[in-house]
Amino acid sequence: MKPLVRTRLADDLADRIAQLIRSGEFCPGDRLPSINRMAKQYGVGHPTLREALKKLESIGVLDIRHGSGVYVGRNPDRLLLRNPMYGGGATRKVMLDLVEARLTIEVVTATLAAEHATDTHLQSMRDLLDEADRNRSDDALLNHVNMAFHREIARASGNTVYAQLLEVLTTLFQKEQLMLLDVQGAREQDHAEHCGIFEAIRDRRTRAARDRMTAHLTRV
């Protein structure tokens, strides 16, 4: 970890940390050094370091756990974006565009997941459904868990590009996803549909997985 001397420090620092991870210096699940230590080693201020870490978190390279530390994500080999932040307003069109984009990706990932999901993927989906069922009254947590369920389906598809695209979409548009949950207000129906999608994937019924995901996102 050598001090940075170039401009655009947050972007450069994000690239440097990502390179360390790609080189094997840190592996999935590893905890990074403390904020104070990294800031000192790189020769940057805390705000610059936090901005770089947030950029990497937004695309799934890092997992920032408040009160615990910064960890390498489960799948750190991401499609890195130079500026992974969406700054537009949460308009009706943006939310409709978001669902339309997700529909294009997730009908395919659900179909592929029914073919390729491993026991580990299926257990993760089951655990997320159970967690969602326990937290239907907490919108922020429920939205987080629901999106994690959709991302797990994408990972189970076996298609790395689809999985990364959905990771970026759901991460960049967290505010819009939460608003969609509030607008439709159908938490019980959402959960029932998620369970139906899971059952189709678990039972290797590709057509049912495709049709149920299509119906779910079309309703949304």
Foldseek 3Di string as FASTA:
>chain_A
DAADDDPPLLLVVLVVVLVCDVVPVADAFDFDDALVVVCVRHVHDSVSPVSNLVLQVLQQQWDQDPPPGIGGGPDNPAPRDSDLADDDDLDPVVLVVLLVVCLVLQLLLLLLLLVQADPVLLVLLVVLLVVLVVPVVPLLVNLVSLLVNSLSSNVSSVDRVSSSVSSSSCSNPVVNSSVVCVVVVPSVVLSVLSVQLSVCSVVSPSVSNSVSSNVNSVVD
